[in-house]
């Protein structure tokens, strides 16, 4: 009986975790379609944030954000928050910002689950029509 309850708990936990933006995601290079890093989306004070928890290219693991402004200038990219302050609004999280550590620029953004294992990230200036979309895939670890 305990074994059945354990498996039920594991299945429910997996289902709940797969239906959320929270968790670990692979960022994908737009040009090569290769996995670049693992991003962890987490909740703090009712808002969504994300930080880089792993850089897959060994040569870039010690990279710093040389193009960043303010307190992020020359800080390690590994461990850096790149999504900040998104609030849940219906099916998406919006109202926050995303940092592109490659160029140091911040953009308004929203994120939305397309399916259990696919996260759409839209960064933009002004209106969401003018911007760039990235797709992250869930990192099942």
N, C-alpha and C. Protein backbone atom coordinates (compact mmCIF):
# COMPACT_ATOMS: atom_id res chain seq x y z
N UNK A 1 0.82 -1.19 0.00
CA UNK A 1 0.00 0.00 0.00
C UNK A 1 0.87 1.27 0.00
N UNK A 2 1.94 1.26 0.81
CA UNK A 2 2.82 2.43 0.88
C UNK A 2 3.49 2.69 -0.47
N UNK A 3 3.85 1.61 -1.16
CA UNK A 3 4.49 1.74 -2.46
C UNK A 3 3.54 2.40 -3.46
N UNK A 4 2.27 2.02 -3.43
CA UNK A 4 1.28 2.63 -4.32
C UNK A 4 1.12 4.11 -4.01
N UNK A 5 1.08 4.47 -2.74
CA UNK A 5 0.96 5.88 -2.35
C UNK A 5 2.19 6.67 -2.80
N UNK A 6 3.36 6.05 -2.67
CA UNK A 6 4.59 6.70 -3.11
C UNK A 6 4.54 7.00 -4.61
N UNK A 7 4.18 6.00 -5.41
CA UNK A 7 4.10 6.21 -6.86
C UNK A 7 3.04 7.24 -7.22
N UNK A 8 1.92 7.24 -6.52
CA UNK A 8 0.88 8.24 -6.75
C UNK A 8 1.42 9.63 -6.46
N UNK A 9 2.14 9.78 -5.35
CA UNK A 9 2.73 11.06 -4.99
C UNK A 9 3.72 11.52 -6.06
N UNK A 10 4.58 10.61 -6.52
CA UNK A 10 5.58 10.95 -7.54
C UNK A 10 4.89 11.38 -8.83
N UNK A 11 3.85 10.67 -9.24
CA UNK A 11 3.14 11.00 -10.48
C UNK A 11 2.45 12.36 -10.36
N UNK A 12 1.83 12.63 -9.22
CA UNK A 12 1.17 13.92 -9.02
C UNK A 12 2.21 15.04 -9.03
N UNK A 13 3.33 14.83 -8.35
CA UNK A 13 4.39 15.84 -8.32
C UNK A 13 4.91 16.12 -9.72
N UNK A 14 5.13 15.08 -10.51
CA UNK A 14 5.61 15.26 -11.87
C UNK A 14 4.59 16.04 -12.70
N UNK A 15 3.32 15.69 -12.58
CA UNK A 15 2.28 16.37 -13.35
C UNK A 15 2.21 17.84 -12.97
N UNK A 16 2.22 18.14 -11.68
CA UNK A 16 2.13 19.53 -11.23
C UNK A 16 3.35 20.31 -11.70
N UNK A 17 4.54 19.73 -11.56
CA UNK A 17 5.76 20.44 -11.96
C UNK A 17 5.85 20.64 -13.46
N UNK A 18 5.27 19.77 -14.24
CA UNK A 18 5.37 19.92 -15.69
C UNK A 18 4.35 20.91 -16.23
N UNK A 19 3.42 21.37 -15.41
CA UNK A 19 2.39 22.31 -15.85
C UNK A 19 2.71 23.74 -15.44
N UNK A 20 3.95 24.05 -15.18
CA UNK A 20 4.33 25.35 -14.66
C UNK A 20 5.55 25.89 -15.39
N UNK A 21 5.70 27.20 -15.35
CA UNK A 21 6.89 27.82 -15.92
C UNK A 21 8.11 27.60 -15.04
N UNK A 22 7.87 27.23 -13.78
CA UNK A 22 8.97 27.08 -12.84
C UNK A 22 9.71 25.76 -13.07
N UNK A 23 11.01 25.83 -12.88
CA UNK A 23 11.85 24.67 -13.10
C UNK A 23 13.06 25.05 -13.93
N UNK A 24 13.74 24.02 -14.43
CA UNK A 24 14.96 24.24 -15.21
C UNK A 24 14.66 24.07 -16.69
N UNK A 25 15.27 24.96 -17.49
CA UNK A 25 15.03 25.03 -18.93
C UNK A 25 16.35 25.16 -19.67
N UNK A 26 16.42 24.53 -20.84
CA UNK A 26 17.56 24.73 -21.73
C UNK A 26 17.30 25.95 -22.59
N UNK A 27 18.27 26.88 -22.60
CA UNK A 27 18.21 27.95 -23.59
C UNK A 27 18.88 27.41 -24.85
N UNK A 28 18.35 27.78 -25.99
CA UNK A 28 18.80 27.23 -27.27
C UNK A 28 19.39 28.35 -28.13
N UNK A 29 20.57 28.13 -28.68
CA UNK A 29 21.19 29.10 -29.59
C UNK A 29 20.36 29.18 -30.87
N UNK A 30 19.97 30.38 -31.24
CA UNK A 30 19.10 30.57 -32.41
C UNK A 30 19.78 30.19 -33.72
N UNK A 31 21.09 30.36 -33.80
CA UNK A 31 21.81 30.08 -35.04
C UNK A 31 22.15 28.60 -35.20
N UNK A 32 22.61 27.97 -34.12
CA UNK A 32 23.07 26.59 -34.22
C UNK A 32 22.02 25.57 -33.77
N UNK A 33 20.99 26.05 -33.07
CA UNK A 33 19.95 25.19 -32.51
C UNK A 33 20.51 24.25 -31.43
N UNK A 34 21.66 24.61 -30.86
CA UNK A 34 22.31 23.82 -29.81
C UNK A 34 21.93 24.39 -28.44
N UNK A 35 21.92 23.52 -27.44
CA UNK A 35 21.66 23.95 -26.06
C UNK A 35 22.86 24.79 -25.59
N UNK A 36 22.55 25.97 -25.01
CA UNK A 36 23.60 26.87 -24.53
C UNK A 36 23.79 26.81 -23.02
N UNK A 37 22.67 26.83 -22.32
CA UNK A 37 22.75 26.91 -20.86
C UNK A 37 21.49 26.32 -20.25
N UNK A 38 21.53 26.18 -18.93
CA UNK A 38 20.34 25.78 -18.19
C UNK A 38 19.93 26.98 -17.34
N UNK A 39 18.68 27.35 -17.48
CA UNK A 39 18.09 28.49 -16.78
C UNK A 39 17.08 27.94 -15.78
N UNK A 40 17.15 28.42 -14.56
CA UNK A 40 16.17 28.02 -13.56
C UNK A 40 15.19 29.17 -13.34
N UNK A 41 13.91 28.90 -13.64
CA UNK A 41 12.85 29.87 -13.39
C UNK A 41 12.30 29.55 -12.00
N UNK A 42 12.26 30.57 -11.15
CA UNK A 42 11.81 30.37 -9.77
C UNK A 42 10.87 31.50 -9.36
N UNK A 43 10.16 31.27 -8.28
CA UNK A 43 9.20 32.25 -7.78
C UNK A 43 9.72 32.88 -6.50
N UNK A 44 9.57 34.20 -6.41
CA UNK A 44 9.96 34.94 -5.22
C UNK A 44 8.96 36.06 -5.02
N UNK A 45 8.32 36.09 -3.87
CA UNK A 45 7.33 37.11 -3.54
C UNK A 45 6.22 37.21 -4.58
N UNK A 46 5.81 36.06 -5.12
CA UNK A 46 4.71 36.02 -6.09
C UNK A 46 5.09 36.42 -7.50
N UNK A 47 6.38 36.64 -7.76
CA UNK A 47 6.84 37.02 -9.09
C UNK A 47 7.80 35.95 -9.61
N UNK A 48 7.95 35.91 -10.92
CA UNK A 48 8.86 34.95 -11.56
C UNK A 48 10.20 35.61 -11.86
N UNK A 49 11.25 34.86 -11.60
CA UNK A 49 12.62 35.27 -11.87
C UNK A 49 13.32 34.07 -12.52
N UNK A 50 14.45 34.33 -13.15
CA UNK A 50 15.23 33.22 -13.71
C UNK A 50 16.70 33.56 -13.65
N UNK A 51 17.50 32.53 -13.35
CA UNK A 51 18.94 32.71 -13.31
C UNK A 51 19.62 31.59 -14.08
N UNK A 52 20.80 31.89 -14.56
CA UNK A 52 21.60 30.91 -15.29
C UNK A 52 22.29 30.02 -14.26
N UNK A 53 21.97 28.72 -14.29
CA UNK A 53 22.55 27.79 -13.31
C UNK A 53 23.63 26.91 -13.92
N UNK A 54 23.71 26.86 -15.24
CA UNK A 54 24.76 26.08 -15.89
C UNK A 54 25.02 26.64 -17.29
N UNK A 55 26.29 26.77 -17.64
CA UNK A 55 26.69 27.15 -19.00
C UNK A 55 27.32 25.90 -19.60
N UNK A 56 26.76 25.42 -20.70
CA UNK A 56 27.16 24.13 -21.26
C UNK A 56 28.48 24.16 -22.01
N UNK A 57 28.85 25.31 -22.58
CA UNK A 57 30.12 25.46 -23.28
C UNK A 57 31.22 25.73 -22.24
N UNK A 58 32.12 24.77 -22.06
CA UNK A 58 33.17 24.89 -21.05
C UNK A 58 33.97 26.18 -21.18
N UNK A 59 34.19 26.63 -22.41
CA UNK A 59 34.99 27.83 -22.63
C UNK A 59 34.28 29.10 -22.18
N UNK A 60 32.97 29.06 -22.00
CA UNK A 60 32.20 30.26 -21.61
C UNK A 60 31.77 30.25 -20.14
N UNK A 61 32.11 29.19 -19.41
CA UNK A 61 31.64 29.06 -18.02
C UNK A 61 32.11 30.19 -17.12
N UNK A 62 33.27 30.77 -17.41
CA UNK A 62 33.79 31.86 -16.58
C UNK A 62 33.51 33.23 -17.20
N UNK A 63 32.65 33.28 -18.21
CA UNK A 63 32.36 34.54 -18.90
C UNK A 63 31.71 35.55 -17.96
N UNK A 64 32.01 36.81 -18.21
CA UNK A 64 31.39 37.89 -17.46
C UNK A 64 30.56 38.74 -18.40
N UNK A 65 29.67 39.51 -17.84
CA UNK A 65 28.80 40.37 -18.64
C UNK A 65 29.49 41.71 -18.86
N UNK A 66 30.39 41.73 -19.83
CA UNK A 66 31.19 42.93 -20.09
C UNK A 66 30.36 44.07 -20.65
N UNK A 67 29.25 43.76 -21.30
CA UNK A 67 28.41 44.78 -21.91
C UNK A 67 27.28 45.26 -20.98
N UNK A 68 27.14 44.63 -19.83
CA UNK A 68 26.09 45.00 -18.89
C UNK A 68 26.35 46.39 -18.30
N UNK A 69 25.29 46.98 -17.79
CA UNK A 69 25.37 48.28 -17.12
C UNK A 69 25.16 48.07 -15.62
N UNK A 70 25.55 49.05 -14.85
CA UNK A 70 25.28 49.05 -13.41
C UNK A 70 25.94 47.93 -12.66
N UNK A 71 25.21 47.36 -11.69
CA UNK A 71 25.79 46.36 -10.80
C UNK A 71 26.13 45.05 -11.50
N UNK A 72 25.59 44.82 -12.70
CA UNK A 72 25.90 43.59 -13.44
C UNK A 72 27.18 43.69 -14.27
N UNK A 73 27.69 44.89 -14.45
CA UNK A 73 28.88 45.13 -15.26
C UNK A 73 30.03 44.25 -14.77
N UNK A 74 30.58 43.45 -15.68
CA UNK A 74 31.72 42.56 -15.43
C UNK A 74 31.46 41.49 -14.38
N UNK A 75 30.20 41.21 -14.09
CA UNK A 75 29.85 40.15 -13.14
C UNK A 75 29.75 38.82 -13.89
N UNK A 76 29.98 37.70 -13.19
CA UNK A 76 29.87 36.39 -13.85
C UNK A 76 28.45 36.16 -14.37
N UNK A 77 28.37 35.62 -15.57
CA UNK A 77 27.07 35.30 -16.16
C UNK A 77 26.46 34.10 -15.44
N UNK A 78 27.29 33.14 -15.08
CA UNK A 78 26.81 31.98 -14.34
C UNK A 78 26.29 32.45 -12.98
N UNK A 79 25.04 32.13 -12.71
CA UNK A 79 24.39 32.55 -11.46
C UNK A 79 23.63 33.86 -11.57
N UNK A 80 23.76 34.55 -12.69
CA UNK A 80 23.11 35.85 -12.87
C UNK A 80 21.61 35.70 -13.14
N UNK A 81 20.82 36.56 -12.50
CA UNK A 81 19.39 36.63 -12.82
C UNK A 81 19.24 37.32 -14.17
N UNK A 82 18.53 36.67 -15.08
CA UNK A 82 18.30 37.28 -16.39
C UNK A 82 16.83 37.63 -16.62
N UNK A 83 15.92 37.01 -15.86
CA UNK A 83 14.50 37.39 -15.88
C UNK A 83 14.19 37.95 -14.51
N UNK A 84 13.51 39.10 -14.47
CA UNK A 84 13.20 39.70 -13.18
C UNK A 84 11.79 40.27 -13.16
N UNK A 85 11.10 39.99 -12.05
CA UNK A 85 9.85 40.66 -11.72
C UNK A 85 8.64 40.41 -12.60
N UNK A 86 8.50 39.21 -13.16
CA UNK A 86 7.32 38.94 -13.98
C UNK A 86 6.14 38.54 -13.09
N UNK A 87 4.97 39.06 -13.41
CA UNK A 87 3.76 38.77 -12.65
C UNK A 87 2.81 37.93 -13.50
N UNK A 88 2.13 37.01 -12.85
CA UNK A 88 1.18 36.13 -13.55
C UNK A 88 -0.02 36.94 -14.00
N UNK A 89 -0.35 36.80 -15.28
CA UNK A 89 -1.52 37.46 -15.86
C UNK A 89 -2.14 36.46 -16.82
N UNK A 90 -3.19 35.80 -16.36
CA UNK A 90 -3.87 34.74 -17.12
C UNK A 90 -2.88 33.63 -17.46
N UNK A 91 -2.61 33.40 -18.75
CA UNK A 91 -1.76 32.28 -19.18
C UNK A 91 -0.29 32.64 -19.33
N UNK A 92 0.08 33.90 -19.05
CA UNK A 92 1.47 34.29 -19.21
C UNK A 92 1.97 35.04 -17.98
N UNK A 93 3.27 35.19 -17.92
CA UNK A 93 3.93 35.98 -16.90
C UNK A 93 4.53 37.18 -17.62
N UNK A 94 4.22 38.39 -17.17
CA UNK A 94 4.68 39.59 -17.87
C UNK A 94 4.94 40.72 -16.88
N UNK A 95 5.35 41.87 -17.41
CA UNK A 95 5.58 43.04 -16.60
C UNK A 95 6.99 43.14 -16.03
N UNK A 96 7.84 42.22 -16.41
CA UNK A 96 9.22 42.26 -15.93
C UNK A 96 10.19 42.51 -17.06
N UNK A 97 11.42 42.14 -16.83
CA UNK A 97 12.47 42.37 -17.83
C UNK A 97 13.32 41.13 -18.02
N UNK A 98 13.94 41.07 -19.20
CA UNK A 98 14.90 40.02 -19.51
C UNK A 98 16.20 40.67 -19.93
N UNK A 99 17.30 40.11 -19.48
CA UNK A 99 18.63 40.57 -19.83
C UNK A 99 19.23 39.62 -20.86
N UNK A 100 19.79 40.16 -21.91
CA UNK A 100 20.58 39.37 -22.85
C UNK A 100 22.04 39.54 -22.45
N UNK A 101 22.63 38.55 -21.78
CA UNK A 101 24.01 38.73 -21.30
C UNK A 101 25.05 38.82 -22.43
N UNK A 102 24.66 38.49 -23.64
CA UNK A 102 25.60 38.59 -24.77
C UNK A 102 25.83 40.04 -25.16
N UNK A 103 24.76 40.88 -25.05
CA UNK A 103 24.93 42.28 -25.43
C UNK A 103 24.68 43.24 -24.27
N UNK A 104 24.30 42.72 -23.11
CA UNK A 104 24.10 43.54 -21.92
C UNK A 104 22.82 44.36 -21.92
N UNK A 105 21.95 44.14 -22.88
CA UNK A 105 20.72 44.94 -22.98
C UNK A 105 19.57 44.26 -22.25
N UNK A 106 18.70 45.10 -21.67
CA UNK A 106 17.49 44.62 -21.01
C UNK A 106 16.29 44.99 -21.86
N UNK A 107 15.32 44.08 -21.86
CA UNK A 107 14.11 44.28 -22.63
C UNK A 107 12.90 43.97 -21.76
N UNK A 108 11.77 44.57 -22.07
CA UNK A 108 10.52 44.13 -21.47
C UNK A 108 10.29 42.71 -21.97
N UNK A 109 9.54 41.91 -21.22
CA UNK A 109 9.33 40.55 -21.70
C UNK A 109 8.09 39.92 -21.10
N UNK A 110 7.72 38.82 -21.72
CA UNK A 110 6.73 37.92 -21.13
C UNK A 110 7.15 36.50 -21.45
N UNK A 111 6.69 35.57 -20.61
CA UNK A 111 6.94 34.15 -20.83
C UNK A 111 5.61 33.42 -20.77
N UNK A 112 5.54 32.34 -21.53
CA UNK A 112 4.30 31.58 -21.60
C UNK A 112 4.61 30.13 -21.96
N UNK A 113 3.95 29.20 -21.26
CA UNK A 113 4.09 27.79 -21.61
C UNK A 113 3.34 27.51 -22.91
N UNK A 114 4.02 26.91 -23.86
CA UNK A 114 3.36 26.47 -25.08
C UNK A 114 2.83 25.06 -24.91
N UNK A 115 3.60 24.24 -24.19
CA UNK A 115 3.17 22.91 -23.76
C UNK A 115 4.00 22.58 -22.53
N UNK A 116 3.85 21.40 -21.98
CA UNK A 116 4.51 21.04 -20.72
C UNK A 116 6.02 21.24 -20.76
N UNK A 117 6.63 21.09 -21.93
CA UNK A 117 8.08 21.11 -22.04
C UNK A 117 8.63 22.22 -22.92
N UNK A 118 7.80 23.20 -23.26
CA UNK A 118 8.22 24.29 -24.14
C UNK A 118 7.80 25.63 -23.56
N UNK A 119 8.77 26.52 -23.38
CA UNK A 119 8.51 27.85 -22.83
C UNK A 119 8.86 28.89 -23.89
N UNK A 120 7.92 29.77 -24.15
CA UNK A 120 8.12 30.87 -25.09
C UNK A 120 8.53 32.10 -24.30
N UNK A 121 9.62 32.74 -24.73
CA UNK A 121 10.09 33.97 -24.11
C UNK A 121 10.08 35.05 -25.18
N UNK A 122 9.40 36.13 -24.92
CA UNK A 122 9.33 37.22 -25.88
C UNK A 122 9.93 38.46 -25.24
N UNK A 123 11.04 38.93 -25.79
CA UNK A 123 11.67 40.17 -25.35
C UNK A 123 11.38 41.25 -26.37
N UNK A 124 11.09 42.47 -25.88
CA UNK A 124 10.70 43.53 -26.81
C UNK A 124 11.00 44.91 -26.25
N UNK A 125 10.98 45.87 -27.15
CA UNK A 125 11.13 47.28 -26.80
C UNK A 125 9.80 47.94 -27.15
N UNK A 126 9.21 48.62 -26.21
CA UNK A 126 7.92 49.28 -26.48
C UNK A 126 6.79 48.28 -26.49
N UNK A 127 6.37 47.90 -27.70
CA UNK A 127 5.27 46.96 -27.87
C UNK A 127 5.80 45.57 -28.20
N UNK A 128 5.06 44.54 -27.81
CA UNK A 128 5.54 43.18 -28.02
C UNK A 128 5.62 42.79 -29.49
N UNK A 129 5.06 43.60 -30.38
CA UNK A 129 5.16 43.32 -31.82
C UNK A 129 6.59 43.52 -32.33
N UNK A 130 7.32 44.40 -31.65
CA UNK A 130 8.70 44.69 -32.06
C UNK A 130 9.63 44.03 -31.05
N UNK A 131 10.13 42.86 -31.42
CA UNK A 131 10.99 42.15 -30.49
C UNK A 131 11.48 40.84 -31.04
N UNK A 132 11.91 39.99 -30.13
CA UNK A 132 12.48 38.70 -30.51
C UNK A 132 11.91 37.62 -29.60
N UNK A 133 11.66 36.45 -30.18
CA UNK A 133 11.12 35.32 -29.42
C UNK A 133 12.18 34.24 -29.33
N UNK A 134 12.28 33.66 -28.15
CA UNK A 134 13.15 32.50 -27.94
C UNK A 134 12.29 31.37 -27.39
N UNK A 135 12.72 30.17 -27.68
CA UNK A 135 12.04 28.98 -27.17
C UNK A 135 13.02 28.22 -26.29
N UNK A 136 12.58 27.91 -25.07
CA UNK A 136 13.37 27.10 -24.16
C UNK A 136 12.69 25.76 -24.00
N UNK A 137 13.48 24.72 -23.84
CA UNK A 137 12.96 23.38 -23.63
C UNK A 137 13.24 22.95 -22.19
N UNK A 138 12.28 22.26 -21.60
CA UNK A 138 12.44 21.84 -20.21
C UNK A 138 13.65 20.90 -20.08
N UNK A 139 14.45 21.16 -19.07
CA UNK A 139 15.61 20.32 -18.77
C UNK A 139 15.17 19.29 -17.76
N UNK A 140 14.92 18.09 -18.21
CA UNK A 140 14.47 17.00 -17.34
C UNK A 140 15.68 16.36 -16.71
N UNK A 141 15.98 16.78 -15.49
CA UNK A 141 17.18 16.29 -14.81
C UNK A 141 16.82 15.38 -13.69
